[in-house]
Amino acid sequence: MIRLFDFVFSLLGLVCGFPVLLLLALIGLFDTGSPIFRQERVGRHKKPFTLVKFRTMRKDTASVASHLASADAITPFGRFLRRTKLDELPQLWNVLKGEMSLVGPRPCLFNQQELIAEREQRGVLNARPGITGLAQVNDIDMSTPELLAETDQAMLQTLTVGAYFKYIFMTVAGKGAGDRVKS
């Protein structure tokens, strides 16, 4: 049932949101010269997939988790995208393809071994990663691997259709600060 919701809502989001996606990509082109950011992430059952987002940092920024990146790397337009969570919109493509869900544990990088181990231990990697979830709306990010994995596990164990819509609504309404970047 959740996969059906993911498919329908991601398709609707991509079709109806196409003018917004196009406008943001155009602005991003002038901001960084390369508006789309692609990065290999850990997917369901540890299968790698390429996550797509709008670029919020300079092109020469090291490929590390957000909490390890420098705040100086974020462009002014990137700050706007992060604050409004519009940088996440291209991930609707990952959801449509079945690599992600709208709601699930945020996909991490393969070099985040501590988080991967914590998630493996708790069965979190058996689920599709998501754009948002319980950890995101409660400002829990990847800088606290054990707490994040525990929160992801709790969310997955109690994920109902109602909770699925609740996390989406909370995210759209602005709950959660997104990925922290060190100052």
N, C-alpha and C. Protein backbone atom coordinates (compact mmCIF):
# COMPACT_ATOMS: atom_id res chain seq x y z
N MET A 1 0.82 -1.20 0.00
CA MET A 1 0.00 0.00 0.00
C MET A 1 0.87 1.27 0.00
N ILE A 2 1.91 1.26 0.86
CA ILE A 2 2.81 2.42 0.93
C ILE A 2 3.49 2.64 -0.42
N ARG A 3 3.92 1.56 -1.07
CA ARG A 3 4.59 1.69 -2.38
C ARG A 3 3.65 2.33 -3.40
N LEU A 4 2.37 1.98 -3.34
CA LEU A 4 1.38 2.57 -4.24
C LEU A 4 1.28 4.08 -3.99
N PHE A 5 1.21 4.47 -2.71
CA PHE A 5 1.18 5.90 -2.37
C PHE A 5 2.45 6.59 -2.87
N ASP A 6 3.60 5.95 -2.63
CA ASP A 6 4.87 6.52 -3.10
C ASP A 6 4.84 6.77 -4.61
N PHE A 7 4.39 5.77 -5.36
CA PHE A 7 4.38 5.87 -6.81
C PHE A 7 3.44 6.99 -7.27
N VAL A 8 2.22 6.99 -6.76
CA VAL A 8 1.23 7.98 -7.18
C VAL A 8 1.67 9.40 -6.80
N PHE A 9 2.10 9.59 -5.55
CA PHE A 9 2.45 10.94 -5.10
C PHE A 9 3.74 11.45 -5.74
N SER A 10 4.70 10.56 -5.99
CA SER A 10 5.93 11.01 -6.65
C SER A 10 5.65 11.37 -8.11
N LEU A 11 4.81 10.58 -8.78
CA LEU A 11 4.45 10.89 -10.16
C LEU A 11 3.70 12.22 -10.23
N LEU A 12 2.72 12.40 -9.36
CA LEU A 12 1.98 13.66 -9.31
C LEU A 12 2.91 14.84 -9.00
N GLY A 13 3.81 14.62 -8.04
CA GLY A 13 4.74 15.68 -7.67
C GLY A 13 5.65 16.08 -8.80
N LEU A 14 6.13 15.10 -9.55
CA LEU A 14 7.01 15.40 -10.67
C LEU A 14 6.26 16.08 -11.82
N VAL A 15 5.06 15.60 -12.10
CA VAL A 15 4.28 16.19 -13.20
C VAL A 15 3.78 17.59 -12.83
N CYS A 16 3.11 17.70 -11.69
CA CYS A 16 2.55 19.00 -11.29
C CYS A 16 3.64 20.00 -10.89
N GLY A 17 4.73 19.48 -10.34
CA GLY A 17 5.81 20.35 -9.88
C GLY A 17 6.86 20.64 -10.94
N PHE A 18 6.65 20.14 -12.16
CA PHE A 18 7.66 20.32 -13.20
C PHE A 18 8.06 21.79 -13.41
N PRO A 19 7.10 22.73 -13.48
CA PRO A 19 7.52 24.13 -13.66
C PRO A 19 8.41 24.64 -12.51
N VAL A 20 8.11 24.24 -11.29
CA VAL A 20 8.92 24.64 -10.14
C VAL A 20 10.30 23.99 -10.23
N LEU A 21 10.33 22.69 -10.56
CA LEU A 21 11.60 21.99 -10.71
C LEU A 21 12.47 22.66 -11.78
N LEU A 22 11.85 23.01 -12.89
CA LEU A 22 12.56 23.66 -13.98
C LEU A 22 13.11 25.02 -13.55
N LEU A 23 12.30 25.81 -12.86
CA LEU A 23 12.73 27.13 -12.39
C LEU A 23 13.89 27.00 -11.40
N LEU A 24 13.77 26.08 -10.45
CA LEU A 24 14.84 25.89 -9.46
C LEU A 24 16.12 25.40 -10.13
N ALA A 25 15.99 24.53 -11.12
CA ALA A 25 17.17 24.05 -11.85
C ALA A 25 17.84 25.20 -12.61
N LEU A 26 17.04 26.07 -13.21
CA LEU A 26 17.58 27.20 -13.95
C LEU A 26 18.31 28.16 -13.01
N ILE A 27 17.70 28.48 -11.87
CA ILE A 27 18.36 29.35 -10.89
C ILE A 27 19.63 28.68 -10.38
N GLY A 28 19.55 27.36 -10.12
CA GLY A 28 20.71 26.62 -9.65
C GLY A 28 21.84 26.60 -10.66
N LEU A 29 21.49 26.61 -11.94
CA LEU A 29 22.50 26.65 -12.99
C LEU A 29 23.33 27.93 -12.88
N PHE A 30 22.66 29.04 -12.62
CA PHE A 30 23.38 30.30 -12.46
C PHE A 30 24.11 30.36 -11.12
N ASP A 31 23.60 29.66 -10.11
CA ASP A 31 24.20 29.68 -8.78
C ASP A 31 25.49 28.87 -8.72
N THR A 32 25.47 27.66 -9.24
CA THR A 32 26.64 26.77 -9.09
C THR A 32 27.18 26.26 -10.43
N GLY A 33 26.45 26.49 -11.51
CA GLY A 33 26.87 25.96 -12.80
C GLY A 33 26.45 24.53 -13.02
N SER A 34 25.96 23.89 -11.98
CA SER A 34 25.53 22.49 -12.04
C SER A 34 24.42 22.29 -11.00
N PRO A 35 23.16 22.48 -11.39
CA PRO A 35 22.09 22.51 -10.40
C PRO A 35 21.72 21.17 -9.77
N ILE A 36 22.06 20.07 -10.42
CA ILE A 36 21.68 18.75 -9.91
C ILE A 36 22.88 18.09 -9.25
N PHE A 37 22.66 17.57 -8.06
CA PHE A 37 23.68 16.88 -7.28
C PHE A 37 23.35 15.40 -7.28
N ARG A 38 24.30 14.57 -7.63
CA ARG A 38 24.13 13.11 -7.62
C ARG A 38 25.16 12.52 -6.69
N GLN A 39 24.73 11.55 -5.90
CA GLN A 39 25.65 10.93 -4.95
C GLN A 39 25.21 9.49 -4.68
N GLU A 40 26.17 8.59 -4.65
CA GLU A 40 25.85 7.19 -4.36
C GLU A 40 25.53 7.07 -2.87
N ARG A 41 24.42 6.43 -2.59
CA ARG A 41 23.96 6.25 -1.21
C ARG A 41 23.64 4.78 -0.96
N VAL A 42 23.49 4.46 0.32
CA VAL A 42 23.14 3.11 0.75
C VAL A 42 21.63 2.95 0.65
N GLY A 43 21.20 1.99 -0.16
CA GLY A 43 19.77 1.75 -0.34
C GLY A 43 19.29 0.54 0.44
N ARG A 44 18.13 0.08 0.08
CA ARG A 44 17.52 -1.09 0.72
C ARG A 44 18.43 -2.31 0.54
N HIS A 45 18.64 -3.04 1.61
CA HIS A 45 19.52 -4.21 1.64
C HIS A 45 20.96 -3.85 1.26
N LYS A 46 21.36 -2.62 1.57
CA LYS A 46 22.71 -2.09 1.30
C LYS A 46 23.04 -1.99 -0.18
N LYS A 47 22.01 -2.03 -1.02
CA LYS A 47 22.23 -1.90 -2.47
C LYS A 47 22.49 -0.42 -2.78
N PRO A 48 23.56 -0.13 -3.51
CA PRO A 48 23.84 1.27 -3.85
C PRO A 48 22.84 1.83 -4.87
N PHE A 49 22.54 3.11 -4.73
CA PHE A 49 21.73 3.81 -5.73
C PHE A 49 22.23 5.24 -5.79
N THR A 50 21.89 5.92 -6.87
CA THR A 50 22.31 7.31 -7.05
C THR A 50 21.17 8.25 -6.65
N LEU A 51 21.37 8.94 -5.56
CA LEU A 51 20.40 9.91 -5.06
C LEU A 51 20.56 11.21 -5.85
N VAL A 52 19.44 11.84 -6.19
CA VAL A 52 19.49 13.13 -6.89
C VAL A 52 18.81 14.20 -6.04
N LYS A 53 19.46 15.34 -5.97
CA LYS A 53 18.94 16.50 -5.22
C LYS A 53 19.35 17.75 -5.98
N PHE A 54 18.80 18.88 -5.56
CA PHE A 54 19.32 20.13 -6.07
C PHE A 54 20.60 20.44 -5.29
N ARG A 55 21.60 20.91 -6.00
CA ARG A 55 22.89 21.25 -5.38
C ARG A 55 22.71 22.46 -4.47
N THR A 56 23.22 22.34 -3.25
CA THR A 56 23.15 23.46 -2.30
C THR A 56 24.55 23.94 -1.90
N MET A 57 25.56 23.17 -2.29
CA MET A 57 26.95 23.54 -1.95
C MET A 57 27.75 23.72 -3.23
N ARG A 58 28.87 24.42 -3.09
CA ARG A 58 29.75 24.61 -4.24
C ARG A 58 30.15 23.25 -4.82
N LYS A 59 30.42 23.22 -6.12
CA LYS A 59 30.75 21.97 -6.82
C LYS A 59 32.00 21.30 -6.28
N ASP A 60 32.94 22.06 -5.74
CA ASP A 60 34.22 21.49 -5.29
C ASP A 60 34.17 20.99 -3.84
N THR A 61 32.99 20.97 -3.23
CA THR A 61 32.86 20.52 -1.84
C THR A 61 33.09 19.02 -1.74
N ALA A 62 33.82 18.60 -0.72
CA ALA A 62 34.10 17.18 -0.50
C ALA A 62 32.80 16.41 -0.28
N SER A 63 32.78 15.17 -0.73
CA SER A 63 31.60 14.31 -0.59
C SER A 63 31.60 13.66 0.79
N VAL A 64 31.03 14.39 1.74
CA VAL A 64 30.92 13.90 3.12
C VAL A 64 29.50 14.11 3.61
N ALA A 65 29.17 13.51 4.74
CA ALA A 65 27.86 13.73 5.35
C ALA A 65 27.72 15.22 5.68
N SER A 66 26.49 15.73 5.61
CA SER A 66 26.25 17.16 5.81
C SER A 66 26.83 17.69 7.12
N HIS A 67 26.72 16.90 8.19
CA HIS A 67 27.20 17.39 9.48
C HIS A 67 28.73 17.53 9.53
N LEU A 68 29.42 16.98 8.52
CA LEU A 68 30.88 17.11 8.44
C LEU A 68 31.31 18.18 7.44
N ALA A 69 30.39 18.68 6.66
CA ALA A 69 30.70 19.70 5.66
C ALA A 69 30.75 21.08 6.32
N SER A 70 31.46 21.98 5.69
CA SER A 70 31.57 23.34 6.20
C SER A 70 30.38 24.19 5.74
N ALA A 71 29.88 25.00 6.64
CA ALA A 71 28.76 25.89 6.30
C ALA A 71 29.17 26.88 5.21
N ASP A 72 30.46 27.17 5.11
CA ASP A 72 30.95 28.09 4.08
C ASP A 72 30.74 27.55 2.67
N ALA A 73 30.56 26.23 2.55
CA ALA A 73 30.38 25.61 1.24
C ALA A 73 28.98 25.82 0.68
N ILE A 74 28.02 26.18 1.54
CA ILE A 74 26.64 26.37 1.10
C ILE A 74 26.49 27.72 0.42
N THR A 75 25.88 27.71 -0.75
CA THR A 75 25.67 28.95 -1.49
C THR A 75 24.44 29.66 -0.91
N PRO A 76 24.27 30.96 -1.18
CA PRO A 76 23.07 31.66 -0.69
C PRO A 76 21.77 31.01 -1.20
N PHE A 77 21.74 30.63 -2.48
CA PHE A 77 20.55 29.95 -3.01
C PHE A 77 20.39 28.58 -2.35
N GLY A 78 21.52 27.93 -2.09
CA GLY A 78 21.51 26.65 -1.40
C GLY A 78 20.89 26.75 -0.01
N ARG A 79 21.18 27.85 0.70
CA ARG A 79 20.57 28.06 2.04
C ARG A 79 19.05 28.13 1.91
N PHE A 80 18.59 28.86 0.89
CA PHE A 80 17.15 28.95 0.65
C PHE A 80 16.57 27.56 0.36
N LEU A 81 17.22 26.81 -0.50
CA LEU A 81 16.73 25.47 -0.84
C LEU A 81 16.67 24.57 0.39
N ARG A 82 17.70 24.62 1.22
CA ARG A 82 17.71 23.79 2.43
C ARG A 82 16.64 24.22 3.43
N ARG A 83 16.52 25.52 3.63
CA ARG A 83 15.55 26.04 4.60
C ARG A 83 14.12 25.65 4.20
N THR A 84 13.83 25.70 2.91
CA THR A 84 12.49 25.38 2.41
C THR A 84 12.32 23.90 2.07
N LYS A 85 13.42 23.15 2.15
CA LYS A 85 13.47 21.72 1.82
C LYS A 85 13.20 21.44 0.34
N LEU A 86 13.27 22.47 -0.49
CA LEU A 86 13.07 22.31 -1.93
C LEU A 86 14.22 21.54 -2.58
N ASP A 87 15.37 21.48 -1.91
CA ASP A 87 16.50 20.72 -2.46
C ASP A 87 16.18 19.23 -2.56
N GLU A 88 15.16 18.78 -1.82
CA GLU A 88 14.78 17.37 -1.81
C GLU A 88 13.88 16.97 -2.99
N LEU A 89 13.27 17.92 -3.67
CA LEU A 89 12.28 17.61 -4.71
C LEU A 89 12.76 16.63 -5.79
N PRO A 90 13.99 16.74 -6.29
CA PRO A 90 14.41 15.77 -7.32
C PRO A 90 14.39 14.30 -6.84
N GLN A 91 14.40 14.10 -5.52
CA GLN A 91 14.36 12.73 -5.01
C GLN A 91 13.02 12.05 -5.31
N LEU A 92 12.04 12.82 -5.75
CA LEU A 92 10.79 12.20 -6.18
C LEU A 92 11.06 11.22 -7.32
N TRP A 93 12.11 11.49 -8.11
CA TRP A 93 12.52 10.57 -9.17
C TRP A 93 12.99 9.24 -8.57
N ASN A 94 13.78 9.32 -7.48
CA ASN A 94 14.23 8.10 -6.79
C ASN A 94 13.05 7.32 -6.22
N VAL A 95 12.05 8.05 -5.74
CA VAL A 95 10.84 7.41 -5.19
C VAL A 95 10.06 6.74 -6.31
N LEU A 96 9.88 7.43 -7.41
CA LEU A 96 9.15 6.88 -8.55
C LEU A 96 9.81 5.59 -9.04
N LYS A 97 11.13 5.56 -9.09
CA LYS A 97 11.87 4.39 -9.54
C LYS A 97 11.86 3.24 -8.53
N GLY A 98 11.43 3.50 -7.31
CA GLY A 98 11.38 2.45 -6.29
C GLY A 98 12.64 2.32 -5.47
N GLU A 99 13.59 3.22 -5.65
CA GLU A 99 14.82 3.19 -4.88
C GLU A 99 14.63 3.77 -3.48
N MET A 100 13.62 4.65 -3.37
CA MET A 100 13.33 5.33 -2.10
C MET A 100 11.83 5.32 -1.87
N SER A 101 11.45 5.74 -0.67
CA SER A 101 10.06 5.96 -0.31
C SER A 101 9.95 7.43 0.10
N LEU A 102 8.74 7.94 0.14
CA LEU A 102 8.58 9.30 0.68
C LEU A 102 8.94 9.30 2.16
N VAL A 103 8.60 8.22 2.87
CA VAL A 103 8.87 8.11 4.30
C VAL A 103 9.74 6.90 4.56
N GLY A 104 10.84 7.12 5.25
CA GLY A 104 11.76 6.04 5.59
C GLY A 104 13.03 6.62 6.17
N PRO A 105 13.98 5.78 6.52
CA PRO A 105 15.26 6.29 7.05
C PRO A 105 16.04 7.00 5.96
N ARG A 106 16.63 8.16 6.28
CA ARG A 106 17.41 8.90 5.29
C ARG A 106 18.59 8.06 4.83
N PRO A 107 18.83 8.00 3.52
CA PRO A 107 19.94 7.19 3.02
C PRO A 107 21.29 7.82 3.37
N CYS A 108 22.19 7.00 3.85
CA CYS A 108 23.51 7.50 4.23
C CYS A 108 24.53 7.17 3.14
N LEU A 109 25.73 7.67 3.36
CA LEU A 109 26.86 7.39 2.48
C LEU A 109 27.50 6.07 2.89
N PHE A 110 28.17 5.42 1.96
CA PHE A 110 28.83 4.16 2.27
C PHE A 110 29.99 4.32 3.25
N ASN A 111 30.54 5.53 3.38
CA ASN A 111 31.64 5.73 4.33
C ASN A 111 31.16 5.98 5.76
N GLN A 112 29.86 5.99 5.98
CA GLN A 112 29.31 6.17 7.33
C GLN A 112 29.13 4.79 7.99
N GLN A 113 30.26 4.14 8.22
CA GLN A 113 30.27 2.76 8.69
C GLN A 113 29.56 2.56 10.03
N GLU A 114 29.72 3.50 10.95
CA GLU A 114 29.07 3.35 12.26
C GLU A 114 27.55 3.34 12.11
N LEU A 115 27.02 4.24 11.30
CA LEU A 115 25.58 4.29 11.09
C LEU A 115 25.09 3.04 10.35
N ILE A 116 25.83 2.60 9.36
CA ILE A 116 25.45 1.38 8.62
C ILE A 116 25.40 0.19 9.57
N ALA A 117 26.40 0.07 10.44
CA ALA A 117 26.43 -1.04 11.39
C ALA A 117 25.24 -0.98 12.36
N GLU A 118 24.94 0.22 12.86
CA GLU A 118 23.81 0.39 13.78
C GLU A 118 22.49 0.04 13.08
N ARG A 119 22.36 0.48 11.84
CA ARG A 119 21.13 0.20 11.09
C ARG A 119 21.01 -1.29 10.73
N GLU A 120 22.13 -1.91 10.39
CA GLU A 120 22.11 -3.35 10.09
C GLU A 120 21.65 -4.14 11.31
N GLN A 121 22.21 -3.79 12.44
CA GLN A 121 21.89 -4.47 13.70
C GLN A 121 20.40 -4.38 14.02
N ARG A 122 19.75 -3.30 13.62
CA ARG A 122 18.35 -3.06 13.94
C ARG A 122 17.39 -3.39 12.79
N GLY A 123 17.91 -3.90 11.68
CA GLY A 123 17.07 -4.25 10.55
C GLY A 123 16.56 -3.08 9.73
N VAL A 124 17.12 -1.91 9.96
CA VAL A 124 16.66 -0.69 9.28
C VAL A 124 16.96 -0.76 7.77
N LEU A 125 18.04 -1.42 7.40
CA LEU A 125 18.42 -1.47 5.99
C LEU A 125 17.54 -2.41 5.16
N ASN A 126 16.58 -3.06 5.80
CA ASN A 126 15.62 -3.89 5.07
C ASN A 126 14.51 -3.05 4.45
N ALA A 127 14.46 -1.78 4.82
CA ALA A 127 13.42 -0.87 4.31
C ALA A 127 14.01 0.05 3.25
N ARG A 128 13.15 0.56 2.39
CA ARG A 128 13.58 1.58 1.42
C ARG A 128 13.94 2.84 2.20
N PRO A 129 15.02 3.49 1.84
CA PRO A 129 15.32 4.78 2.47
C PRO A 129 14.26 5.80 2.06
N GLY A 130 14.13 6.86 2.84
CA GLY A 130 13.08 7.83 2.56
C GLY A 130 13.57 9.26 2.50
N ILE A 131 12.70 10.11 2.01
CA ILE A 131 12.98 11.55 1.97
C ILE A 131 12.81 12.15 3.35
N THR A 132 11.81 11.67 4.09
CA THR A 132 11.58 12.17 5.44
C THR A 132 11.15 11.03 6.34
N GLY A 133 11.09 11.32 7.62
CA GLY A 133 10.68 10.31 8.59
C GLY A 133 10.71 10.87 9.99
N LEU A 134 10.55 9.99 10.95
CA LEU A 134 10.49 10.39 12.36
C LEU A 134 11.74 11.14 12.80
N ALA A 135 12.91 10.67 12.41
CA ALA A 135 14.15 11.34 12.82
C ALA A 135 14.21 12.76 12.26
N GLN A 136 13.83 12.91 10.99
CA GLN A 136 13.93 14.23 10.35
C GLN A 136 13.00 15.25 11.00
N VAL A 137 11.79 14.86 11.34
CA VAL A 137 10.85 15.83 11.93
C VAL A 137 11.19 16.11 13.40
N ASN A 138 12.12 15.32 13.95
CA ASN A 138 12.56 15.54 15.33
C ASN A 138 14.01 16.03 15.40
N ASP A 139 14.53 16.54 14.29
CA ASP A 139 15.88 17.12 14.23
C ASP A 139 16.98 16.16 14.65
N ILE A 140 16.81 14.88 14.36
CA ILE A 140 17.86 13.90 14.62
C ILE A 140 18.55 13.63 13.30
N ASP A 141 19.84 13.92 13.24
CA ASP A 141 20.55 13.74 11.97
C ASP A 141 21.64 12.67 12.10
N MET A 142 22.46 12.58 11.09
CA MET A 142 23.46 11.51 11.01
C MET A 142 24.67 11.72 11.92
N SER A 143 24.69 12.84 12.65
CA SER A 143 25.81 13.08 13.57
C SER A 143 25.67 12.24 14.84
N THR A 144 24.51 11.61 15.04
CA THR A 144 24.28 10.75 16.20
C THR A 144 23.81 9.38 15.69
N PRO A 145 24.75 8.56 15.19
CA PRO A 145 24.38 7.30 14.52
C PRO A 145 23.50 6.36 15.33
N GLU A 146 23.82 6.16 16.61
CA GLU A 146 23.05 5.22 17.41
C GLU A 146 21.62 5.72 17.62
N LEU A 147 21.47 6.99 17.98
CA LEU A 147 20.14 7.57 18.18
C LEU A 147 19.35 7.55 16.87
N LEU A 148 20.00 7.87 15.77
CA LEU A 148 19.33 7.87 14.47
C LEU A 148 18.83 6.47 14.12
N ALA A 149 19.69 5.46 14.29
CA ALA A 149 19.29 4.09 13.97
C ALA A 149 18.15 3.62 14.88
N GLU A 150 18.20 3.98 16.15
CA GLU A 150 17.12 3.61 17.09
C GLU A 150 15.81 4.27 16.66
N THR A 151 15.88 5.53 16.28
CA THR A 151 14.69 6.27 15.86
C THR A 151 14.13 5.70 14.56
N ASP A 152 15.02 5.37 13.62
CA ASP A 152 14.59 4.75 12.36
C ASP A 152 13.89 3.42 12.63
N GLN A 153 14.47 2.62 13.52
CA GLN A 153 13.87 1.32 13.86
C GLN A 153 12.49 1.51 14.47
N ALA A 154 12.37 2.44 15.41
CA ALA A 154 11.07 2.71 16.06
C ALA A 154 10.04 3.15 15.02
N MET A 155 10.46 4.02 14.08
CA MET A 155 9.54 4.49 13.05
C MET A 155 9.06 3.33 12.19
N LEU A 156 9.99 2.50 11.75
CA LEU A 156 9.63 1.39 10.87
C LEU A 156 8.71 0.37 11.56
N GLN A 157 8.92 0.17 12.86
CA GLN A 157 8.09 -0.78 13.61
C GLN A 157 6.67 -0.27 13.82
N THR A 158 6.48 1.04 13.76
CA THR A 158 5.16 1.62 14.02
C THR A 158 4.59 2.36 12.81
N LEU A 159 5.20 2.15 11.63
CA LEU A 159 4.76 2.90 10.44
C LEU A 159 3.42 2.38 9.93
N THR A 160 2.43 3.23 10.02
CA THR A 160 1.09 2.96 9.50
C THR A 160 0.83 3.96 8.38
N VAL A 161 -0.27 3.79 7.69
CA VAL A 161 -0.64 4.75 6.64
C VAL A 161 -0.84 6.13 7.27
N GLY A 162 -1.44 6.18 8.44
CA GLY A 162 -1.64 7.46 9.13
C GLY A 162 -0.32 8.13 9.48
N ALA A 163 0.64 7.35 9.99
CA ALA A 163 1.95 7.90 10.35
C ALA A 163 2.70 8.37 9.09
N TYR A 164 2.55 7.63 8.02
CA TYR A 164 3.17 7.98 6.73
C TYR A 164 2.74 9.39 6.33
N PHE A 165 1.43 9.64 6.36
CA PHE A 165 0.93 10.98 5.99
C PHE A 165 1.30 12.03 7.04
N LYS A 166 1.35 11.64 8.29
CA LYS A 166 1.73 12.57 9.36
C LYS A 166 3.15 13.09 9.14
N TYR A 167 4.11 12.19 8.85
CA TYR A 167 5.49 12.62 8.63
C TYR A 167 5.62 13.51 7.40
N ILE A 168 4.88 13.18 6.35
CA ILE A 168 4.91 14.02 5.15
C ILE A 168 4.34 15.40 5.46
N PHE A 169 3.20 15.44 6.14
CA PHE A 169 2.59 16.73 6.48
C PHE A 169 3.51 17.55 7.37
N MET A 170 4.10 16.92 8.38
CA MET A 170 5.00 17.63 9.29
C MET A 170 6.19 18.22 8.54
N THR A 171 6.71 17.48 7.58
CA THR A 171 7.85 17.95 6.80
C THR A 171 7.45 19.14 5.92
N VAL A 172 6.33 19.01 5.23
CA VAL A 172 5.84 20.10 4.37
C VAL A 172 5.53 21.35 5.20
N ALA A 173 5.03 21.13 6.42
CA ALA A 173 4.68 22.25 7.30
C ALA A 173 5.92 22.90 7.94
N GLY A 174 7.10 22.33 7.70
CA GLY A 174 8.32 22.95 8.19
C GLY A 174 8.90 22.36 9.45
N LYS A 175 8.36 21.25 9.93
CA LYS A 175 8.90 20.62 11.14
C LYS A 175 10.25 19.99 10.81
N GLY A 176 11.23 20.18 11.67
CA GLY A 176 12.56 19.63 11.43
C GLY A 176 13.42 20.63 10.71
N ALA A 177 14.70 20.64 11.04
CA ALA A 177 15.61 21.62 10.46
C ALA A 177 16.38 21.11 9.26
N GLY A 178 16.24 19.83 8.95
CA GLY A 178 17.02 19.26 7.86
C GLY A 178 18.40 18.87 8.35
N ASP A 179 19.26 18.50 7.43
CA ASP A 179 20.60 18.06 7.80
C ASP A 179 21.41 19.24 8.32
N ARG A 180 22.01 19.04 9.48
CA ARG A 180 22.86 20.08 10.07
C ARG A 180 24.18 20.15 9.31
N VAL A 181 24.70 21.35 9.25
CA VAL A 181 26.02 21.58 8.68
C VAL A 181 26.81 22.32 9.74
N LYS A 182 28.07 21.89 9.99
CA LYS A 182 28.85 22.54 11.03
C LYS A 182 29.14 23.98 10.65
N SER A 183 29.20 24.83 11.63
CA SER A 183 29.44 26.26 11.38
C SER A 183 30.91 26.56 11.22
